[in-house]
Amino acid sequence: LGFLGFSNMQMKIAARAPVDAAAIAGAIAARAAARAQKNFAESDRIRDDLLAKGIVLKDTPQGTTWEVKK
């Protein structure tokens, strides 16, 4: 494939599953609700589940943002 102009990085990017932004937003909302109820075990479980799927959460004063793990 390298001969045809494809690099390993291009193949890795193409192999990634599409991101379901609506599902991530729902998980972030559920995590925020768990944090508001001081259910930190559930909040951590949701964060860890997203991280296992390659989604990194970042908590900021303006709210939670996310990005795909590199």
C-alpha atoms as a PDB file:
ATOM      1  CA  LEU A   1       0.000   0.000   0.000  1.00  0.00           C
ATOM      2  CA  GLY A   2       2.941   2.310   0.604  1.00  0.00           C
ATOM      3  CA  PHE A   3       3.767   2.004  -3.082  1.00  0.00           C
ATOM      4  CA  LEU A   4       0.287   3.344  -3.909  1.00  0.00           C
ATOM      5  CA  GLY A   5       0.725   6.356  -1.626  1.00  0.00           C
ATOM      6  CA  PHE A   6      -1.008   5.092   1.525  1.00  0.00           C
ATOM      7  CA  SER A   7       0.818   5.492   4.803  1.00  0.00           C
ATOM      8  CA  ASN A   8       0.159   3.566   8.001  1.00  0.00           C
ATOM      9  CA  MET A   9      -1.261   6.745   9.574  1.00  0.00           C
ATOM     10  CA  GLN A  10      -3.820   7.108   6.784  1.00  0.00           C
ATOM     11  CA  MET A  11      -4.880   3.507   7.290  1.00  0.00           C
ATOM     12  CA  LYS A  12      -5.270   4.007  11.054  1.00  0.00           C
ATOM     13  CA  ILE A  13      -7.395   7.120  10.533  1.00  0.00           C
ATOM     14  CA  ALA A  14      -9.575   5.337   7.992  1.00  0.00           C
ATOM     15  CA  ALA A  15     -10.020   2.354  10.337  1.00  0.00           C
ATOM     16  CA  ARG A  16     -11.468   4.449  13.184  1.00  0.00           C
ATOM     17  CA  ALA A  17     -15.158   4.032  13.839  1.00  0.00           C
ATOM     18  CA  PRO A  18     -17.291   7.128  13.306  1.00  0.00           C
ATOM     19  CA  VAL A  19     -17.988   9.180  16.429  1.00  0.00           C
ATOM     20  CA  ASP A  20     -21.607   9.364  17.626  1.00  0.00           C
ATOM     21  CA  ALA A  21     -21.693  12.912  18.982  1.00  0.00           C
ATOM     22  CA  ALA A  22     -25.276  12.543  20.229  1.00  0.00           C
ATOM     23  CA  ALA A  23     -24.376   9.479  22.297  1.00  0.00           C
ATOM     24  CA  ILE A  24     -21.356  11.273  23.743  1.00  0.00           C
ATOM     25  CA  ALA A  25     -23.491  14.293  24.629  1.00  0.00           C
ATOM     26  CA  GLY A  26     -25.961  11.972  26.363  1.00  0.00           C
ATOM     27  CA  ALA A  27     -23.180  10.316  28.337  1.00  0.00           C
ATOM     28  CA  ILE A  28     -21.794  13.720  29.354  1.00  0.00           C
ATOM     29  CA  ALA A  29     -25.268  14.792  30.513  1.00  0.00           C
ATOM     30  CA  ALA A  30     -25.648  11.574  32.525  1.00  0.00           C
ATOM     31  CA  ARG A  31     -22.204  12.147  34.044  1.00  0.00           C
ATOM     32  CA  ALA A  32     -23.131  15.727  34.979  1.00  0.00           C
ATOM     33  CA  ALA A  33     -26.322  14.472  36.645  1.00  0.00           C
ATOM     34  CA  ALA A  34     -24.355  11.845  38.585  1.00  0.00           C
ATOM     35  CA  ARG A  35     -21.859  14.490  39.713  1.00  0.00           C
ATOM     36  CA  ALA A  36     -24.700  16.789  40.823  1.00  0.00           C
ATOM     37  CA  GLN A  37     -26.058  13.937  42.954  1.00  0.00           C
ATOM     38  CA  LYS A  38     -22.522  13.343  44.290  1.00  0.00           C
ATOM     39  CA  ASN A  39     -22.547   9.860  42.775  1.00  0.00           C
ATOM     40  CA  PHE A  40     -18.873   9.984  41.900  1.00  0.00           C
ATOM     41  CA  ALA A  41     -18.586   6.242  41.309  1.00  0.00           C
ATOM     42  CA  GLU A  42     -21.115   6.488  38.459  1.00  0.00           C
ATOM     43  CA  SER A  43     -19.481   9.653  37.158  1.00  0.00           C
ATOM     44  CA  ASP A  44     -16.103   7.908  37.056  1.00  0.00           C
ATOM     45  CA  ARG A  45     -17.629   4.835  35.393  1.00  0.00           C
ATOM     46  CA  ILE A  46     -19.091   6.957  32.586  1.00  0.00           C
ATOM     47  CA  ARG A  47     -15.779   8.791  32.102  1.00  0.00           C
ATOM     48  CA  ASP A  48     -13.840   5.513  32.039  1.00  0.00           C
ATOM     49  CA  ASP A  49     -16.327   3.959  29.591  1.00  0.00           C
ATOM     50  CA  LEU A  50     -15.881   6.882  27.195  1.00  0.00           C
ATOM     51  CA  LEU A  51     -12.113   6.733  27.583  1.00  0.00           C
ATOM     52  CA  ALA A  52     -12.183   3.029  26.681  1.00  0.00           C
ATOM     53  CA  LYS A  53     -13.990   4.058  23.486  1.00  0.00           C
ATOM     54  CA  GLY A  54     -11.286   6.632  22.722  1.00  0.00           C
ATOM     55  CA  ILE A  55     -13.103   9.726  23.994  1.00  0.00           C
ATOM     56  CA  VAL A  56     -11.231  12.017  26.400  1.00  0.00           C
ATOM     57  CA  LEU A  57     -13.324  14.303  28.618  1.00  0.00           C
ATOM     58  CA  LYS A  58     -12.021  17.659  29.778  1.00  0.00           C
ATOM     59  CA  ASP A  59     -13.771  19.476  32.612  1.00  0.00           C
ATOM     60  CA  THR A  60     -13.549  23.263  32.386  1.00  0.00           C
ATOM     61  CA  PRO A  61     -15.277  26.115  34.241  1.00  0.00           C
ATOM     62  CA  GLN A  62     -17.518  26.493  31.168  1.00  0.00           C
ATOM     63  CA  GLY A  63     -18.518  22.807  31.186  1.00  0.00           C
ATOM     64  CA  THR A  64     -17.252  19.478  29.913  1.00  0.00           C
ATOM     65  CA  THR A  65     -15.691  19.193  26.490  1.00  0.00           C
ATOM     66  CA  TRP A  66     -14.459  16.112  24.686  1.00  0.00           C
ATOM     67  CA  GLU A  67     -12.062  15.046  21.976  1.00  0.00           C
ATOM     68  CA  VAL A  68     -11.098  11.835  20.254  1.00  0.00           C
ATOM     69  CA  LYS A  69      -7.979  10.323  21.812  1.00  0.00           C
ATOM     70  CA  LYS A  70      -4.975  10.617  19.519  1.00  0.00           C
END
